[in-house]
Amino acid sequence: MLWGVIALLMTATCVAAPRSPMAHPAAIVLRVDGPISPASADYVVRGIERIREKSIRQTTRLIELADAQGYRVSAPRDASRRGGTVAFDVPHAYGVAQALLGNGVIVDYRPNAGIRIAPHFYTSDEELDRAVSMIGDVLRDEAWKPFETKRGVVT
């Protein structure tokens, strides 16, 4: 049995410096107030691996959906270099992001990158499809127009 704090290491890819991506360890620290078996620690690690697998699948799906709509993707296409977010540029991206937020779709906006969507472990594939579909609806219905004169800053 293990007591106290468990630190799990997993490899993450640093893409902050675009010309020199490098792998570095990222620590996930779990505070445990009682005994935990090695099997339980293994379960946590497998859970993290499953979350990453789902993240890769869903971010790949977002890229495919964006490509199908002709949106410029600002995320690495190589899953090993991609984190858990995908940004794609759409016309009137700031206004579209604001309209989505107003309809309960949590996204953010990045100048020169567009709308950033970050599926979490609890996000369904249907929610991703619906979010991208809603982008098309906002553009078609011009629901971005109320935000047209607003300054496009990071949201």
C-alpha atoms as a PDB file:
ATOM      1  CA  MET A   1       0.000   0.000   0.000  1.00  0.00           C
ATOM      2  CA  LEU A   2       1.083   3.546  -0.737  1.00  0.00           C
ATOM      3  CA  TRP A   3       0.299   6.558   1.474  1.00  0.00           C
ATOM      4  CA  GLY A   4       0.399  10.299   0.981  1.00  0.00           C
ATOM      5  CA  VAL A   5       0.909  11.990  -2.357  1.00  0.00           C
ATOM      6  CA  ILE A   6       1.215  10.092  -5.621  1.00  0.00           C
ATOM      7  CA  ALA A   7       2.856  11.824  -8.566  1.00  0.00           C
ATOM      8  CA  LEU A   8       2.177  10.330 -11.964  1.00  0.00           C
ATOM      9  CA  LEU A   9       4.404  11.214 -14.878  1.00  0.00           C
ATOM     10  CA  MET A  10       3.299  11.185 -18.467  1.00  0.00           C
ATOM     11  CA  THR A  11       4.981  12.468 -21.573  1.00  0.00           C
ATOM     12  CA  ALA A  12       3.615  15.685 -22.983  1.00  0.00           C
ATOM     13  CA  THR A  13       4.733  17.439 -26.132  1.00  0.00           C
ATOM     14  CA  CYS A  14       5.792  21.027 -25.913  1.00  0.00           C
ATOM     15  CA  VAL A  15       4.836  22.913 -29.042  1.00  0.00           C
ATOM     16  CA  ALA A  16       5.351  26.430 -27.690  1.00  0.00           C
ATOM     17  CA  ALA A  17       8.530  26.754 -29.737  1.00  0.00           C
ATOM     18  CA  PRO A  18       7.279  25.773 -33.199  1.00  0.00           C
ATOM     19  CA  ARG A  19      10.700  24.969 -34.599  1.00  0.00           C
ATOM     20  CA  SER A  20      11.801  22.753 -31.748  1.00  0.00           C
ATOM     21  CA  PRO A  21       9.056  20.613 -30.221  1.00  0.00           C
ATOM     22  CA  MET A  22      10.383  18.517 -27.371  1.00  0.00           C
ATOM     23  CA  ALA A  23       8.925  15.965 -25.060  1.00  0.00           C
ATOM     24  CA  HIS A  24       9.011  16.747 -21.364  1.00  0.00           C
ATOM     25  CA  PRO A  25       7.446  15.101 -18.329  1.00  0.00           C
ATOM     26  CA  ALA A  26       4.252  16.589 -16.975  1.00  0.00           C
ATOM     27  CA  ALA A  27       3.374  15.722 -13.404  1.00  0.00           C
ATOM     28  CA  ILE A  28      -0.128  14.987 -12.280  1.00  0.00           C
ATOM     29  CA  VAL A  29      -0.280  15.021  -8.507  1.00  0.00           C
ATOM     30  CA  LEU A  30      -3.066  13.272  -6.626  1.00  0.00           C
ATOM     31  CA  ARG A  31      -3.427  13.861  -2.911  1.00  0.00           C
ATOM     32  CA  VAL A  32      -4.498  10.720  -1.114  1.00  0.00           C
ATOM     33  CA  ASP A  33      -5.499  10.753   2.535  1.00  0.00           C
ATOM     34  CA  GLY A  34      -5.410   6.990   2.991  1.00  0.00           C
ATOM     35  CA  PRO A  35      -3.899   3.843   1.592  1.00  0.00           C
ATOM     36  CA  ILE A  36      -3.957   3.233  -2.144  1.00  0.00           C
ATOM     37  CA  SER A  37      -2.934  -0.012  -3.730  1.00  0.00           C
ATOM     38  CA  PRO A  38      -0.571  -0.247  -6.694  1.00  0.00           C
ATOM     39  CA  ALA A  39      -3.569  -1.597  -8.658  1.00  0.00           C
ATOM     40  CA  SER A  40      -5.495   1.604  -7.904  1.00  0.00           C
ATOM     41  CA  ALA A  41      -2.571   3.730  -9.042  1.00  0.00           C
ATOM     42  CA  ASP A  42      -2.452   1.659 -12.245  1.00  0.00           C
ATOM     43  CA  TYR A  43      -6.190   2.286 -12.749  1.00  0.00           C
ATOM     44  CA  VAL A  44      -5.582   6.062 -12.589  1.00  0.00           C
ATOM     45  CA  VAL A  45      -2.775   5.823 -15.158  1.00  0.00           C
ATOM     46  CA  ARG A  46      -4.942   3.735 -17.516  1.00  0.00           C
ATOM     47  CA  GLY A  47      -7.731   6.275 -17.067  1.00  0.00           C
ATOM     48  CA  ILE A  48      -5.423   9.090 -18.113  1.00  0.00           C
ATOM     49  CA  GLU A  49      -4.324   7.083 -21.167  1.00  0.00           C
ATOM     50  CA  ARG A  50      -7.979   6.517 -22.146  1.00  0.00           C
ATOM     51  CA  ILE A  51      -8.713  10.215 -21.764  1.00  0.00           C
ATOM     52  CA  ARG A  52      -5.778  11.043 -24.057  1.00  0.00           C
ATOM     53  CA  GLU A  53      -6.973   8.467 -26.632  1.00  0.00           C
ATOM     54  CA  LYS A  54     -10.424  10.038 -26.627  1.00  0.00           C
ATOM     55  CA  SER A  55      -8.905  13.513 -26.885  1.00  0.00           C
ATOM     56  CA  ILE A  56      -6.911  12.495 -29.956  1.00  0.00           C
ATOM     57  CA  ARG A  57      -9.989  10.938 -31.550  1.00  0.00           C
ATOM     58  CA  GLN A  58     -12.141  13.986 -30.866  1.00  0.00           C
ATOM     59  CA  THR A  59      -9.584  16.586 -31.933  1.00  0.00           C
ATOM     60  CA  THR A  60      -9.048  14.586 -35.121  1.00  0.00           C
ATOM     61  CA  ARG A  61     -12.828  14.663 -35.621  1.00  0.00           C
ATOM     62  CA  LEU A  62     -12.873  18.450 -35.147  1.00  0.00           C
ATOM     63  CA  ILE A  63     -10.155  18.868 -37.778  1.00  0.00           C
ATOM     64  CA  GLU A  64     -12.139  16.693 -40.202  1.00  0.00           C
ATOM     65  CA  LEU A  65     -15.306  18.723 -39.556  1.00  0.00           C
ATOM     66  CA  ALA A  66     -13.444  22.005 -40.048  1.00  0.00           C
ATOM     67  CA  ASP A  67     -11.835  20.732 -43.257  1.00  0.00           C
ATOM     68  CA  ALA A  68     -15.241  19.659 -44.586  1.00  0.00           C
ATOM     69  CA  GLN A  69     -16.500  23.220 -44.091  1.00  0.00           C
ATOM     70  CA  GLY A  70     -13.386  24.786 -45.609  1.00  0.00           C
ATOM     71  CA  TYR A  71     -12.233  26.413 -42.346  1.00  0.00           C
ATOM     72  CA  ARG A  72      -8.489  26.966 -41.917  1.00  0.00           C
ATOM     73  CA  VAL A  73      -7.195  24.777 -39.073  1.00  0.00           C
ATOM     74  CA  SER A  74      -4.600  26.312 -36.739  1.00  0.00           C
ATOM     75  CA  ALA A  75      -3.740  23.152 -34.815  1.00  0.00           C
ATOM     76  CA  PRO A  76      -1.076  20.568 -35.582  1.00  0.00           C
ATOM     77  CA  ARG A  77      -2.489  17.770 -37.699  1.00  0.00           C
ATOM     78  CA  ASP A  78      -0.020  15.317 -36.191  1.00  0.00           C
ATOM     79  CA  ALA A  79      -1.800  14.024 -33.080  1.00  0.00           C
ATOM     80  CA  SER A  80       1.500  13.526 -31.249  1.00  0.00           C
ATOM     81  CA  ARG A  81       2.124  17.287 -31.502  1.00  0.00           C
ATOM     82  CA  ARG A  82      -1.455  18.334 -30.761  1.00  0.00           C
ATOM     83  CA  GLY A  83      -2.854  19.066 -27.339  1.00  0.00           C
ATOM     84  CA  GLY A  84      -6.501  18.888 -26.390  1.00  0.00           C
ATOM     85  CA  THR A  85      -7.659  21.915 -28.382  1.00  0.00           C
ATOM     86  CA  VAL A  86      -8.302  22.686 -32.021  1.00  0.00           C
ATOM     87  CA  ALA A  87      -8.503  26.207 -33.380  1.00  0.00           C
ATOM     88  CA  PHE A  88      -9.965  26.968 -36.755  1.00  0.00           C
ATOM     89  CA  ASP A  89     -10.561  30.232 -38.445  1.00  0.00           C
ATOM     90  CA  VAL A  90     -13.997  31.083 -39.732  1.00  0.00           C
ATOM     91  CA  PRO A  91     -15.287  34.345 -41.189  1.00  0.00           C
ATOM     92  CA  HIS A  92     -16.212  36.809 -38.417  1.00  0.00           C
ATOM     93  CA  ALA A  93     -14.617  34.475 -35.877  1.00  0.00           C
ATOM     94  CA  TYR A  94     -14.878  36.830 -32.896  1.00  0.00           C
ATOM     95  CA  GLY A  95     -18.588  37.419 -33.456  1.00  0.00           C
ATOM     96  CA  VAL A  96     -19.215  33.730 -34.118  1.00  0.00           C
ATOM     97  CA  ALA A  97     -17.454  32.849 -30.849  1.00  0.00           C
ATOM     98  CA  GLN A  98     -19.597  35.376 -28.972  1.00  0.00           C
ATOM     99  CA  ALA A  99     -22.791  33.998 -30.533  1.00  0.00           C
ATOM    100  CA  LEU A 100     -21.770  30.442 -29.589  1.00  0.00           C
ATOM    101  CA  LEU A 101     -21.004  31.511 -26.022  1.00  0.00           C
ATOM    102  CA  GLY A 102     -24.406  33.178 -25.865  1.00  0.00           C
ATOM    103  CA  ASN A 103     -25.958  29.838 -26.797  1.00  0.00           C
ATOM    104  CA  GLY A 104     -24.101  27.830 -24.165  1.00  0.00           C
ATOM    105  CA  VAL A 105     -21.321  26.499 -26.381  1.00  0.00           C
ATOM    106  CA  ILE A 106     -18.057  27.072 -24.526  1.00  0.00           C
ATOM    107  CA  VAL A 107     -15.335  28.155 -26.937  1.00  0.00           C
ATOM    108  CA  ASP A 108     -12.774  30.890 -26.962  1.00  0.00           C
ATOM    109  CA  TYR A 109     -11.400  33.195 -29.609  1.00  0.00           C
ATOM    110  CA  ARG A 110      -7.772  33.789 -30.525  1.00  0.00           C
ATOM    111  CA  PRO A 111      -6.779  36.543 -32.965  1.00  0.00           C
ATOM    112  CA  ASN A 112      -5.160  35.086 -36.096  1.00  0.00           C
ATOM    113  CA  ALA A 113      -6.176  31.572 -35.055  1.00  0.00           C
ATOM    114  CA  GLY A 114      -9.957  31.757 -34.778  1.00  0.00           C
ATOM    115  CA  ILE A 115     -12.324  29.774 -32.621  1.00  0.00           C
ATOM    116  CA  ARG A 116     -10.740  27.319 -30.230  1.00  0.00           C
ATOM    117  CA  ILE A 117     -12.679  24.251 -29.161  1.00  0.00           C
ATOM    118  CA  ALA A 118     -11.388  22.051 -26.363  1.00  0.00           C
ATOM    119  CA  PRO A 119     -13.270  18.785 -25.877  1.00  0.00           C
ATOM    120  CA  HIS A 120     -13.054  17.434 -22.343  1.00  0.00           C
ATOM    121  CA  PHE A 121     -13.281  13.820 -21.180  1.00  0.00           C
ATOM    122  CA  TYR A 122     -17.020  14.251 -20.710  1.00  0.00           C
ATOM    123  CA  THR A 123     -17.688  15.858 -24.148  1.00  0.00           C
ATOM    124  CA  SER A 124     -19.690  13.679 -26.519  1.00  0.00           C
ATOM    125  CA  ASP A 125     -19.025  13.327 -30.232  1.00  0.00           C
ATOM    126  CA  GLU A 126     -22.538  14.650 -30.849  1.00  0.00           C
ATOM    127  CA  GLU A 127     -21.661  17.852 -28.974  1.00  0.00           C
ATOM    128  CA  LEU A 128     -18.683  18.385 -31.277  1.00  0.00           C
ATOM    129  CA  ASP A 129     -20.831  17.843 -34.371  1.00  0.00           C
ATOM    130  CA  ARG A 130     -23.447  20.232 -32.988  1.00  0.00           C
ATOM    131  CA  ALA A 131     -20.872  22.942 -32.176  1.00  0.00           C
ATOM    132  CA  VAL A 132     -19.451  22.910 -35.698  1.00  0.00           C
ATOM    133  CA  SER A 133     -22.962  22.825 -37.149  1.00  0.00           C
ATOM    134  CA  MET A 134     -23.876  25.826 -35.008  1.00  0.00           C
ATOM    135  CA  ILE A 135     -20.921  27.743 -36.457  1.00  0.00           C
ATOM    136  CA  GLY A 136     -22.481  27.281 -39.880  1.00  0.00           C
ATOM    137  CA  ASP A 137     -25.878  28.369 -38.519  1.00  0.00           C
ATOM    138  CA  VAL A 138     -24.401  31.518 -36.946  1.00  0.00           C
ATOM    139  CA  LEU A 139     -22.693  32.425 -40.222  1.00  0.00           C
ATOM    140  CA  ARG A 140     -25.792  31.696 -42.308  1.00  0.00           C
ATOM    141  CA  ASP A 141     -28.134  33.600 -39.994  1.00  0.00           C
ATOM    142  CA  GLU A 142     -25.594  36.414 -39.511  1.00  0.00           C
ATOM    143  CA  ALA A 143     -25.907  36.028 -35.745  1.00  0.00           C
ATOM    144  CA  TRP A 144     -22.329  37.326 -35.511  1.00  0.00           C
ATOM    145  CA  LYS A 145     -23.395  40.830 -36.623  1.00  0.00           C
ATOM    146  CA  PRO A 146     -24.195  42.259 -33.146  1.00  0.00           C
ATOM    147  CA  PHE A 147     -20.499  41.767 -32.337  1.00  0.00           C
ATOM    148  CA  GLU A 148     -19.187  43.192 -35.620  1.00  0.00           C
ATOM    149  CA  THR A 149     -17.977  46.472 -34.102  1.00  0.00           C
ATOM    150  CA  LYS A 150     -16.507  44.886 -30.987  1.00  0.00           C
ATOM    151  CA  ARG A 151     -12.781  44.520 -30.643  1.00  0.00           C
ATOM    152  CA  GLY A 152     -11.647  40.929 -31.256  1.00  0.00           C
ATOM    153  CA  VAL A 153      -9.547  40.035 -28.242  1.00  0.00           C
ATOM    154  CA  VAL A 154      -8.795  36.721 -26.595  1.00  0.00           C
ATOM    155  CA  THR A 155     -11.912  35.443 -24.859  1.00  0.00           C
END
